[in-house]
Every structure is written in C-alpha cells, then in structure tokens.
C-alpha cells in the first residue's frame, strides 16, 4: 500500500507538469485539389507562392517529388507507371 502512495505522489506531479506545460495548438488544416490536365494545353507551370501554396499545371507526380526533394531525374528510379503519367 505504501508503494502505491509513493508512486502516485511521484507520478501525479510529473503527469500534471506535462499537461500544464503544453501550449494549445492553433487550429490548422490542409487542402488539396487535383484536376485532370487539359490535353490541348502544353504549357508547364510550377509555382510555389509565399505561405506554401503550390500550383502545378501539366506536371507529373514524379516531377513534383523531384522538385520537393531537389533531386535530378536520374536520381529517382522505379515506381508505378502513374508516377510519370
């Protein structure tokens, strides 16, 4: 019984410090919109705006991954076919 009280006496302040020491996180969310490209449009556009907004037109997922990780075409190999379609 004495062990249980010692455990509670030590664990409770440690748990409360962890709970009270955290600041509440601001609410946030992310949104993605993926649309098929116009087959008649040939222009490629890849723009990253301040605040992190990304607009990519006629860009494959593989190209976006290479841009995100700043690697060259030959440094990424394999993957499903839709990665480059």
PDB file of N, CA and C in Angstrom:
ATOM      1  N   UNK A   1       0.815  -1.193   0.000  1.00  0.00           N
ATOM      2  CA  UNK A   1       0.000   0.000   0.000  1.00  0.00           C
ATOM      3  C   UNK A   1       0.861   1.260   0.000  1.00  0.00           C
ATOM      4  N   UNK A   2       1.951   1.212   0.772  1.00  0.00           N
ATOM      5  CA  UNK A   2       2.842   2.362   0.841  1.00  0.00           C
ATOM      6  C   UNK A   2       3.456   2.631  -0.532  1.00  0.00           C
ATOM      7  N   UNK A   3       3.784   1.561  -1.279  1.00  0.00           N
ATOM      8  CA  UNK A   3       4.363   1.711  -2.619  1.00  0.00           C
ATOM      9  C   UNK A   3       3.400   2.446  -3.554  1.00  0.00           C
ATOM     10  N   UNK A   4       2.116   2.125  -3.451  1.00  0.00           N
ATOM     11  CA  UNK A   4       1.121   2.765  -4.312  1.00  0.00           C
ATOM     12  C   UNK A   4       1.062   4.264  -4.056  1.00  0.00           C
ATOM     13  N   UNK A   5       1.121   4.687  -2.798  1.00  0.00           N
ATOM     14  CA  UNK A   5       1.078   6.112  -2.475  1.00  0.00           C
ATOM     15  C   UNK A   5       2.338   6.821  -2.942  1.00  0.00           C
ATOM     16  N   UNK A   6       3.463   6.174  -2.828  1.00  0.00           N
ATOM     17  CA  UNK A   6       4.716   6.770  -3.293  1.00  0.00           C
ATOM     18  C   UNK A   6       4.670   6.932  -4.813  1.00  0.00           C
ATOM     19  N   UNK A   7       4.146   5.929  -5.504  1.00  0.00           N
ATOM     20  CA  UNK A   7       4.037   6.004  -6.956  1.00  0.00           C
ATOM     21  C   UNK A   7       3.128   7.160  -7.371  1.00  0.00           C
ATOM     22  N   UNK A   8       1.954   7.268  -6.725  1.00  0.00           N
ATOM     23  CA  UNK A   8       1.012   8.337  -7.046  1.00  0.00           C
ATOM     24  C   UNK A   8       1.626   9.695  -6.724  1.00  0.00           C
ATOM     25  N   UNK A   9       2.324   9.793  -5.616  1.00  0.00           N
ATOM     26  CA  UNK A   9       2.929  11.061  -5.209  1.00  0.00           C
ATOM     27  C   UNK A   9       4.016  11.498  -6.193  1.00  0.00           C
ATOM     28  N   UNK A  10       4.700  10.563  -6.822  1.00  0.00           N
ATOM     29  CA  UNK A  10       5.751  10.913  -7.784  1.00  0.00           C
ATOM     30  C   UNK A  10       5.199  11.072  -9.197  1.00  0.00           C
ATOM     31  N   UNK A  11       4.289  10.222  -9.561  1.00  0.00           N
ATOM     32  CA  UNK A  11       3.793  10.223 -10.938  1.00  0.00           C
ATOM     33  C   UNK A  11       2.815  11.358 -11.211  1.00  0.00           C
ATOM     34  N   UNK A  12       2.007  11.700 -10.259  1.00  0.00           N
ATOM     35  CA  UNK A  12       0.994  12.728 -10.479  1.00  0.00           C
ATOM     36  C   UNK A  12       1.609  14.101 -10.790  1.00  0.00           C
ATOM     37  N   UNK A  13       2.566  14.587 -10.027  1.00  0.00           N
ATOM     38  CA  UNK A  13       3.162  15.880 -10.386  1.00  0.00           C
ATOM     39  C   UNK A  13       3.857  15.856 -11.748  1.00  0.00           C
ATOM     40  N   UNK A  14       4.492  14.751 -12.085  1.00  0.00           N
ATOM     41  CA  UNK A  14       5.155  14.649 -13.388  1.00  0.00           C
ATOM     42  C   UNK A  14       4.132  14.684 -14.514  1.00  0.00           C
ATOM     43  N   UNK A  15       3.025  13.996 -14.345  1.00  0.00           N
ATOM     44  CA  UNK A  15       1.980  13.992 -15.366  1.00  0.00           C
ATOM     45  C   UNK A  15       1.335  15.369 -15.485  1.00  0.00           C
ATOM     46  N   UNK A  16       1.087  16.029 -14.373  1.00  0.00           N
ATOM     47  CA  UNK A  16       0.483  17.358 -14.397  1.00  0.00           C
ATOM     48  C   UNK A  16       1.422  18.378 -15.046  1.00  0.00           C
ATOM     49  N   UNK A  17       2.709  18.263 -14.806  1.00  0.00           N
ATOM     50  CA  UNK A  17       3.667  19.183 -15.421  1.00  0.00           C
ATOM     51  C   UNK A  17       3.642  19.031 -16.935  1.00  0.00           C
ATOM     52  N   UNK A  18       3.531  17.801 -17.407  1.00  0.00           N
ATOM     53  CA  UNK A  18       3.458  17.573 -18.844  1.00  0.00           C
ATOM     54  C   UNK A  18       2.182  18.136 -19.445  1.00  0.00           C
ATOM     55  N   UNK A  19       1.076  18.006 -18.738  1.00  0.00           N
ATOM     56  CA  UNK A  19      -0.202  18.511 -19.249  1.00  0.00           C
ATOM     57  C   UNK A  19      -0.274  20.031 -19.196  1.00  0.00           C
ATOM     58  N   UNK A  20       0.180  20.609 -18.109  1.00  0.00           N
ATOM     59  CA  UNK A  20       0.074  22.052 -17.939  1.00  0.00           C
ATOM     60  C   UNK A  20       1.156  22.810 -18.692  1.00  0.00           C
ATOM     61  N   UNK A  21       2.247  22.152 -19.021  1.00  0.00           N
ATOM     62  CA  UNK A  21       3.350  22.817 -19.696  1.00  0.00           C
ATOM     63  C   UNK A  21       3.169  22.943 -21.197  1.00  0.00           C
ATOM     64  N   UNK A  22       2.126  22.362 -21.742  1.00  0.00           N
ATOM     65  CA  UNK A  22       1.917  22.409 -23.188  1.00  0.00           C
ATOM     66  C   UNK A  22       1.000  23.570 -23.543  1.00  0.00           C
ATOM     67  N   UNK A  23       1.385  24.312 -24.582  1.00  0.00           N
ATOM     68  CA  UNK A  23       0.514  25.384 -25.055  1.00  0.00           C
ATOM     69  C   UNK A  23      -0.451  24.798 -26.090  1.00  0.00           C
ATOM     70  N   UNK A  24      -1.670  25.319 -26.135  1.00  0.00           N
ATOM     71  CA  UNK A  24      -2.638  24.781 -27.097  1.00  0.00           C
ATOM     72  C   UNK A  24      -2.205  25.086 -28.531  1.00  0.00           C
ATOM     73  N   UNK A  25      -2.380  24.102 -29.401  1.00  0.00           N
ATOM     74  CA  UNK A  25      -2.011  24.273 -30.807  1.00  0.00           C
ATOM     75  C   UNK A  25      -3.098  25.057 -31.530  1.00  0.00           C
ATOM     76  N   UNK A  26      -2.661  25.919 -32.428  1.00  0.00           N
ATOM     77  CA  UNK A  26      -3.620  26.686 -33.228  1.00  0.00           C
ATOM     78  C   UNK A  26      -4.294  25.750 -34.226  1.00  0.00           C
ATOM     79  N   UNK A  27      -5.593  25.911 -34.452  1.00  0.00           N
ATOM     80  CA  UNK A  27      -6.268  25.064 -35.431  1.00  0.00           C
ATOM     81  C   UNK A  27      -5.669  25.262 -36.826  1.00  0.00           C
ATOM     82  N   UNK A  28      -5.516  24.182 -37.548  1.00  0.00           N
ATOM     83  CA  UNK A  28      -4.989  24.283 -38.910  1.00  0.00           C
ATOM     84  C   UNK A  28      -5.557  23.148 -39.753  1.00  0.00           C
ATOM     85  N   UNK A  29      -5.483  23.318 -41.069  1.00  0.00           N
ATOM     86  CA  UNK A  29      -5.933  22.285 -41.980  1.00  0.00           C
ATOM     87  C   UNK A  29      -5.188  22.443 -43.292  1.00  0.00           C
ATOM     88  N   UNK A  30      -5.194  21.389 -44.081  1.00  0.00           N
ATOM     89  CA  UNK A  30      -4.570  21.405 -45.393  1.00  0.00           C
ATOM     90  C   UNK A  30      -5.604  20.990 -46.426  1.00  0.00           C
ATOM     91  N   UNK A  31      -5.517  21.574 -47.592  1.00  0.00           N
ATOM     92  CA  UNK A  31      -6.465  21.286 -48.656  1.00  0.00           C
ATOM     93  C   UNK A  31      -5.685  20.971 -49.917  1.00  0.00           C
ATOM     94  N   UNK A  32      -6.132  19.982 -50.643  1.00  0.00           N
ATOM     95  CA  UNK A  32      -5.524  19.650 -51.937  1.00  0.00           C
ATOM     96  C   UNK A  32      -6.636  19.497 -52.963  1.00  0.00           C
ATOM     97  N   UNK A  33      -6.379  19.992 -54.143  1.00  0.00           N
ATOM     98  CA  UNK A  33      -7.322  19.857 -55.246  1.00  0.00           C
ATOM     99  C   UNK A  33      -6.540  19.333 -56.447  1.00  0.00           C
ATOM    100  N   UNK A  34      -6.931  18.181 -56.953  1.00  0.00           N
ATOM    101  CA  UNK A  34      -6.255  17.579 -58.098  1.00  0.00           C
ATOM    102  C   UNK A  34      -7.271  17.451 -59.217  1.00  0.00           C
ATOM    103  N   UNK A  35      -6.917  18.020 -60.363  1.00  0.00           N
ATOM    104  CA  UNK A  35      -7.824  18.000 -61.511  1.00  0.00           C
ATOM    105  C   UNK A  35      -7.067  17.488 -62.731  1.00  0.00           C
ATOM    106  N   UNK A  36      -7.755  16.820 -63.647  1.00  0.00           N
ATOM    107  CA  UNK A  36      -7.075  16.365 -64.868  1.00  0.00           C
ATOM    108  C   UNK A  36      -6.634  17.555 -65.715  1.00  0.00           C
ATOM    109  N   UNK A  37      -5.499  17.387 -66.378  1.00  0.00           N
ATOM    110  CA  UNK A  37      -4.968  18.453 -67.229  1.00  0.00           C
ATOM    111  C   UNK A  37      -5.729  18.520 -68.540  1.00  0.00           C
ATOM    112  N   UNK A  38      -5.803  19.708 -69.101  1.00  0.00           N
ATOM    113  CA  UNK A  38      -6.409  19.912 -70.412  1.00  0.00           C
ATOM    114  C   UNK A  38      -5.466  19.319 -71.463  1.00  0.00           C
ATOM    115  N   UNK A  39      -5.890  18.327 -72.231  1.00  0.00           N
ATOM    116  CA  UNK A  39      -4.987  17.687 -73.190  1.00  0.00           C
ATOM    117  C   UNK A  39      -4.503  18.625 -74.299  1.00  0.00           C
ATOM    118  N   UNK A  40      -5.224  19.722 -74.545  1.00  0.00           N
ATOM    119  CA  UNK A  40      -4.816  20.670 -75.585  1.00  0.00           C
ATOM    120  C   UNK A  40      -3.769  21.670 -75.091  1.00  0.00           C
ATOM    121  N   UNK A  41      -3.636  21.801 -73.781  1.00  0.00           N
ATOM    122  CA  UNK A  41      -2.678  22.753 -73.235  1.00  0.00           C
ATOM    123  C   UNK A  41      -1.328  22.069 -73.036  1.00  0.00           C
ATOM    124  N   UNK A  42      -0.281  22.641 -73.581  1.00  0.00           N
ATOM    125  CA  UNK A  42       1.051  22.052 -73.496  1.00  0.00           C
ATOM    126  C   UNK A  42       1.962  22.764 -72.501  1.00  0.00           C
ATOM    127  N   UNK A  43       1.556  23.931 -72.025  1.00  0.00           N
ATOM    128  CA  UNK A  43       2.408  24.710 -71.117  1.00  0.00           C
ATOM    129  C   UNK A  43       2.544  24.006 -69.774  1.00  0.00           C
ATOM    130  N   UNK A  44       3.747  24.061 -69.220  1.00  0.00           N
ATOM    131  CA  UNK A  44       4.030  23.500 -67.900  1.00  0.00           C
ATOM    132  C   UNK A  44       4.224  24.665 -66.939  1.00  0.00           C
ATOM    133  N   UNK A  45       3.572  24.602 -65.802  1.00  0.00           N
ATOM    134  CA  UNK A  45       3.656  25.679 -64.822  1.00  0.00           C
ATOM    135  C   UNK A  45       3.838  25.062 -63.445  1.00  0.00           C
ATOM    136  N   UNK A  46       4.805  25.570 -62.700  1.00  0.00           N
ATOM    137  CA  UNK A  46       5.090  25.068 -61.348  1.00  0.00           C
ATOM    138  C   UNK A  46       5.437  26.276 -60.496  1.00  0.00           C
ATOM    139  N   UNK A  47       4.500  26.730 -59.649  1.00  0.00           N
ATOM    140  CA  UNK A  47       4.687  27.946 -58.868  1.00  0.00           C
ATOM    141  C   UNK A  47       4.475  27.652 -57.392  1.00  0.00           C
ATOM    142  N   UNK A  48       5.434  28.068 -56.560  1.00  0.00           N
ATOM    143  CA  UNK A  48       5.292  27.984 -55.111  1.00  0.00           C
ATOM    144  C   UNK A  48       5.175  29.418 -54.600  1.00  0.00           C
ATOM    145  N   UNK A  49       4.029  29.765 -54.040  1.00  0.00           N
ATOM    146  CA  UNK A  49       3.762  31.120 -53.561  1.00  0.00           C
ATOM    147  C   UNK A  49       4.141  31.251 -52.095  1.00  0.00           C
ATOM    148  N   UNK A  50       4.344  32.483 -51.621  1.00  0.00           N
ATOM    149  CA  UNK A  50       4.578  32.686 -50.186  1.00  0.00           C
ATOM    150  C   UNK A  50       3.431  32.098 -49.367  1.00  0.00           C
ATOM    151  N   UNK A  51       3.750  31.508 -48.272  1.00  0.00           N
ATOM    152  CA  UNK A  51       2.742  30.853 -47.448  1.00  0.00           C
ATOM    153  C   UNK A  51       2.622  29.372 -47.748  1.00  0.00           C
ATOM    154  N   UNK A  52       3.350  28.889 -48.774  1.00  0.00           N
ATOM    155  CA  UNK A  52       3.380  27.471 -49.061  1.00  0.00           C
ATOM    156  C   UNK A  52       2.394  26.986 -50.092  1.00  0.00           C
ATOM    157  N   UNK A  53       1.651  27.869 -50.747  1.00  0.00           N
ATOM    158  CA  UNK A  53       0.700  27.415 -51.763  1.00  0.00           C
ATOM    159  C   UNK A  53       1.461  26.943 -53.002  1.00  0.00           C
ATOM    160  N   UNK A  54       1.049  25.826 -53.529  1.00  0.00           N
ATOM    161  CA  UNK A  54       1.675  25.231 -54.708  1.00  0.00           C
ATOM    162  C   UNK A  54       0.642  25.127 -55.818  1.00  0.00           C
ATOM    163  N   UNK A  55       1.011  25.608 -56.999  1.00  0.00           N
ATOM    164  CA  UNK A  55       0.146  25.444 -58.170  1.00  0.00           C
ATOM    165  C   UNK A  55       0.996  24.798 -59.254  1.00  0.00           C
ATOM    166  N   UNK A  56       0.593  23.620 -59.684  1.00  0.00           N
ATOM    167  CA  UNK A  56       1.319  22.879 -60.710  1.00  0.00           C
ATOM    168  C   UNK A  56       0.349  22.524 -61.829  1.00  0.00           C
ATOM    169  N   UNK A  57       0.701  22.909 -63.055  1.00  0.00           N
ATOM    170  CA  UNK A  57      -0.134  22.630 -64.216  1.00  0.00           C
ATOM    171  C   UNK A  57       0.659  21.787 -65.196  1.00  0.00           C
ATOM    172  N   UNK A  58       0.063  20.681 -65.638  1.00  0.00           N
ATOM    173  CA  UNK A  58       0.715  19.747 -66.570  1.00  0.00           C
ATOM    174  C   UNK A  58       2.049  19.242 -66.036  1.00  0.00           C
ATOM    175  N   UNK A  59       2.065  18.900 -64.758  1.00  0.00           N
ATOM    176  CA  UNK A  59       3.257  18.384 -64.097  1.00  0.00           C
ATOM    177  C   UNK A  59       2.920  17.007 -63.537  1.00  0.00           C
ATOM    178  N   UNK A  60       3.791  16.038 -63.745  1.00  0.00           N
ATOM    179  CA  UNK A  60       3.545  14.697 -63.218  1.00  0.00           C
ATOM    180  C   UNK A  60       3.891  14.650 -61.732  1.00  0.00           C
ATOM    181  N   UNK A  61       3.385  13.636 -61.062  1.00  0.00           N
ATOM    182  CA  UNK A  61       3.699  13.457 -59.650  1.00  0.00           C
ATOM    183  C   UNK A  61       5.200  13.227 -59.462  1.00  0.00           C
ATOM    184  N   UNK A  62       5.810  12.505 -60.397  1.00  0.00           N
ATOM    185  CA  UNK A  62       7.256  12.281 -60.321  1.00  0.00           C
ATOM    186  C   UNK A  62       8.029  13.586 -60.370  1.00  0.00           C
ATOM    187  N   UNK A  63       7.608  14.513 -61.227  1.00  0.00           N
ATOM    188  CA  UNK A  63       8.260  15.823 -61.306  1.00  0.00           C
ATOM    189  C   UNK A  63       8.075  16.606 -60.012  1.00  0.00           C
ATOM    190  N   UNK A  64       6.915  16.490 -59.408  1.00  0.00           N
ATOM    191  CA  UNK A  64       6.680  17.182 -58.147  1.00  0.00           C
ATOM    192  C   UNK A  64       7.540  16.603 -57.026  1.00  0.00           C
ATOM    193  N   UNK A  65       7.694  15.283 -56.997  1.00  0.00           N
ATOM    194  CA  UNK A  65       8.547  14.646 -55.988  1.00  0.00           C
ATOM    195  C   UNK A  65      10.003  15.078 -56.178  1.00  0.00           C
ATOM    196  N   UNK A  66      10.464  15.098 -57.428  1.00  0.00           N
ATOM    197  CA  UNK A  66      11.843  15.527 -57.697  1.00  0.00           C
ATOM    198  C   UNK A  66      12.055  16.979 -57.280  1.00  0.00           C
ATOM    199  N   UNK A  67      11.079  17.818 -57.525  1.00  0.00           N
ATOM    200  CA  UNK A  67      11.184  19.226 -57.125  1.00  0.00           C
ATOM    201  C   UNK A  67      11.183  19.357 -55.602  1.00  0.00           C
ATOM    202  N   UNK A  68      10.320  18.604 -54.934  1.00  0.00           N
ATOM    203  CA  UNK A  68      10.217  18.679 -53.476  1.00  0.00           C
ATOM    204  C   UNK A  68      11.517  18.256 -52.796  1.00  0.00           C
ATOM    205  N   UNK A  69      12.161  17.214 -53.327  1.00  0.00           N
ATOM    206  CA  UNK A  69      13.401  16.713 -52.724  1.00  0.00           C
ATOM    207  C   UNK A  69      14.642  17.272 -53.398  1.00  0.00           C
ATOM    208  N   UNK A  70      14.459  18.154 -54.396  1.00  0.00           N
ATOM    209  CA  UNK A  70      15.562  18.805 -55.114  1.00  0.00           C
ATOM    210  C   UNK A  70      16.580  17.789 -55.619  1.00  0.00           C
ATOM    211  N   UNK A  71      16.068  16.806 -56.372  1.00  0.00           N
ATOM    212  CA  UNK A  71      16.929  15.788 -56.980  1.00  0.00           C
ATOM    213  C   UNK A  71      16.739  15.812 -58.493  1.00  0.00           C
ATOM    214  N   UNK A  72      17.679  15.258 -59.199  1.00  0.00           N
ATOM    215  CA  UNK A  72      17.640  15.208 -60.661  1.00  0.00           C
ATOM    216  C   UNK A  72      16.800  14.013 -61.122  1.00  0.00           C
ATOM    217  N   UNK A  73      16.420  14.036 -62.399  1.00  0.00           N
ATOM    218  CA  UNK A  73      15.588  12.992 -62.985  1.00  0.00           C
ATOM    219  C   UNK A  73      16.209  11.607 -62.807  1.00  0.00           C
ATOM    220  N   UNK A  74      17.511  11.499 -63.037  1.00  0.00           N
ATOM    221  CA  UNK A  74      18.184  10.195 -62.982  1.00  0.00           C
ATOM    222  C   UNK A  74      18.385   9.696 -61.547  1.00  0.00           C
ATOM    223  N   UNK A  75      18.114  10.532 -60.539  1.00  0.00           N
ATOM    224  CA  UNK A  75      18.282  10.108 -59.148  1.00  0.00           C
ATOM    225  C   UNK A  75      17.035   9.414 -58.592  1.00  0.00           C
ATOM    226  N   UNK A  76      15.951   9.423 -59.346  1.00  0.00           N
ATOM    227  CA  UNK A  76      14.716   8.753 -58.935  1.00  0.00           C
ATOM    228  C   UNK A  76      14.439   7.654 -59.941  1.00  0.00           C
ATOM    229  N   UNK A  77      14.295   6.437 -59.470  1.00  0.00           N
ATOM    230  CA  UNK A  77      14.021   5.329 -60.388  1.00  0.00           C
ATOM    231  C   UNK A  77      12.946   4.429 -59.810  1.00  0.00           C
ATOM    232  N   UNK A  78      12.278   3.717 -60.700  1.00  0.00           N
ATOM    233  CA  UNK A  78      11.236   2.780 -60.272  1.00  0.00           C
ATOM    234  C   UNK A  78       9.930   3.496 -59.989  1.00  0.00           C
ATOM    235  N   UNK A  79       9.058   2.791 -59.332  1.00  0.00           N
ATOM    236  CA  UNK A  79       7.747   3.347 -59.010  1.00  0.00           C
ATOM    237  C   UNK A  79       6.707   2.919 -60.023  1.00  0.00           C
ATOM    238  N   UNK A  80       5.450   3.110 -59.682  1.00  0.00           N
ATOM    239  CA  UNK A  80       4.375   2.745 -60.607  1.00  0.00           C
ATOM    240  C   UNK A  80       4.347   3.651 -61.836  1.00  0.00           C
ATOM    241  N   UNK A  81       3.695   3.200 -62.872  1.00  0.00           N
ATOM    242  CA  UNK A  81       3.646   3.935 -64.133  1.00  0.00           C
ATOM    243  C   UNK A  81       2.966   5.303 -63.984  1.00  0.00           C
ATOM    244  N   UNK A  82       1.938   5.364 -63.114  1.00  0.00           N
ATOM    245  CA  UNK A  82       1.202   6.601 -62.956  1.00  0.00           C
ATOM    246  C   UNK A  82       2.058   7.716 -62.339  1.00  0.00           C
ATOM    247  N   UNK A  83       3.210   7.370 -61.813  1.00  0.00           N
ATOM    248  CA  UNK A  83       4.114   8.376 -61.264  1.00  0.00           C
ATOM    249  C   UNK A  83       4.619   9.317 -62.347  1.00  0.00           C
ATOM    250  N   UNK A  84       4.717   8.813 -63.582  1.00  0.00           N
ATOM    251  CA  UNK A  84       5.230   9.640 -64.671  1.00  0.00           C
ATOM    252  C   UNK A  84       4.170   9.928 -65.731  1.00  0.00           C
ATOM    253  N   UNK A  85       2.930   9.559 -65.493  1.00  0.00           N
ATOM    254  CA  UNK A  85       1.853   9.825 -66.469  1.00  0.00           C
ATOM    255  C   UNK A  85       1.179  11.152 -66.182  1.00  0.00           C
TER     256      UNK A  85
END
